[in-house]
Protein backbone atom coordinates (compact mmCIF):
# COMPACT_ATOMS: atom_id res chain seq x y z
CA MET A 1 4.21 8.92 4.28
CA GLN A 2 0.49 8.65 3.55
CA LYS A 3 -0.77 5.55 1.75
CA ASP A 4 -1.97 7.67 -1.19
CA LYS A 5 1.47 9.27 -1.63
CA GLN A 6 3.11 5.83 -1.41
CA LEU A 7 0.89 4.61 -4.25
CA HIS A 8 1.81 7.64 -6.36
CA LEU A 9 5.50 7.04 -5.67
CA LEU A 10 5.20 3.37 -6.65
CA ALA A 11 3.29 4.28 -9.81
CA GLY A 12 6.00 6.77 -10.82
CA LEU A 13 8.69 4.20 -10.06
CA ALA A 14 6.97 1.50 -12.13
CA LEU A 15 6.28 3.84 -15.05
CA SER A 16 9.84 5.12 -15.09
CA LEU A 17 11.32 1.62 -15.01
CA LEU A 18 9.00 0.28 -17.71
CA ALA A 19 9.48 3.29 -19.96
CA GLY A 20 13.23 3.48 -19.46
CA LEU A 21 13.99 -0.20 -19.82
CA PHE A 22 11.38 -1.46 -22.29
CA VAL A 23 9.70 1.38 -24.20
CA TYR A 24 12.80 3.53 -24.76
CA PRO A 25 14.65 0.84 -26.77
CA LEU A 26 11.59 0.57 -29.01
CA VAL A 27 11.56 4.35 -29.50
CA VAL A 28 15.25 4.25 -30.48
CA TRP A 29 14.67 1.32 -32.82
CA LEU A 30 11.74 2.99 -34.62
CA SER A 31 13.87 6.07 -35.39
CA TRP A 32 10.93 8.11 -36.68
CA SER A 33 11.89 11.75 -37.02
CA TRP A 34 9.26 13.01 -34.55
CA LEU A 35 10.61 10.61 -31.89
CA LYS A 36 14.11 12.12 -31.95
CA VAL A 37 13.33 14.46 -29.06
CA PHE A 38 12.61 11.41 -26.90
CA VAL A 39 15.76 9.65 -28.08
CA MET A 40 17.80 12.68 -27.02
CA MET A 41 16.42 12.36 -23.48
CA GLY A 42 18.06 9.00 -22.98
CA ALA A 43 16.44 6.11 -21.14
CA VAL A 44 16.49 7.88 -17.78
CA GLY A 45 15.06 11.15 -19.09
CA PHE A 46 12.41 9.32 -21.08
CA GLY A 47 11.34 7.29 -18.04
CA LEU A 48 11.14 10.40 -15.87
CA PHE A 49 9.20 12.23 -18.60
CA VAL A 50 6.65 9.40 -18.80
CA ALA A 51 6.21 9.31 -15.01
CA ALA A 52 5.80 13.10 -14.77
CA LEU A 53 3.39 13.19 -17.71
CA ALA A 54 1.27 10.41 -16.24
CA GLY A 55 1.20 12.14 -12.85
CA ALA A 56 0.16 15.44 -14.42
CA VAL A 57 -2.53 13.83 -16.59
CA LYS A 58 -3.92 11.92 -13.61
CA GLU A 59 -4.14 15.03 -11.45
CA ILE A 60 -5.42 17.41 -14.15
CA VAL A 61 -7.73 15.19 -16.19
CA TRP A 62 -8.91 12.49 -13.81
CA ASP A 63 -9.05 14.45 -10.56
CA TRP A 64 -9.68 18.03 -11.64
CA TRP A 65 -11.59 18.01 -14.95
CA TRP A 66 -13.54 14.78 -14.48
CA LYS A 67 -13.88 15.27 -10.70
CA ARG A 68 -13.03 11.61 -10.02
CA GLY A 69 -10.68 12.47 -7.16
CA THR A 70 -8.98 15.32 -5.36
CA PRO A 71 -6.23 17.05 -7.33
CA GLU A 72 -3.15 17.55 -5.16
CA TRP A 73 0.29 18.94 -5.98
CA LEU A 74 1.90 16.53 -3.53
CA ASP A 75 0.40 13.58 -5.42
CA PHE A 76 2.02 14.85 -8.60
CA TRP A 77 5.37 15.37 -6.87
CA ALA A 78 5.21 11.93 -5.26
CA THR A 79 4.77 10.46 -8.75
CA VAL A 80 7.72 12.49 -10.03
CA LEU A 81 9.84 11.37 -7.07
CA GLY A 82 9.02 7.78 -7.98
CA GLY A 83 10.13 8.58 -11.53
CA VAL A 84 13.43 9.95 -10.24
CA ILE A 85 14.02 6.82 -8.15
CA GLY A 86 13.13 4.71 -11.18
CA GLY A 87 15.62 6.69 -13.27
CA LEU A 88 18.35 6.02 -10.72
CA ALA A 89 17.44 2.33 -10.81
CA VAL A 90 17.70 2.34 -14.63
CA VAL A 91 21.19 3.84 -14.37
CA LEU A 92 22.23 1.21 -11.82
CA LEU A 93 20.75 -1.63 -13.86
CA LYS A 94 22.53 -0.43 -16.99
CA LEU A 95 25.83 -0.14 -15.10
CA LEU A 96 25.49 -3.61 -13.61
CA GLY A 97 24.16 -5.18 -16.80
CA GLY A 98 26.86 -3.89 -19.07
């Protein structure tokens, strides 16, 4: 796997873990009505959503609109794959942690 794709995968993994384990409980706790769609996703879905959104924004805004890099579909999908792996890790951590 190319170094660039590895970095995208790691970024998606980190974002998914952080969002699923630390941001999601805050979203649940706030219980604002407009956040209910995120609460329905669960920690895993929320983490994957954050990773996919970040990957899309990076490719569309940073690389394509601002011309700061080369927009690539595989970069986006590598980020999403990292988000999926992070989601699986969140499930395992929740199972092991109680």
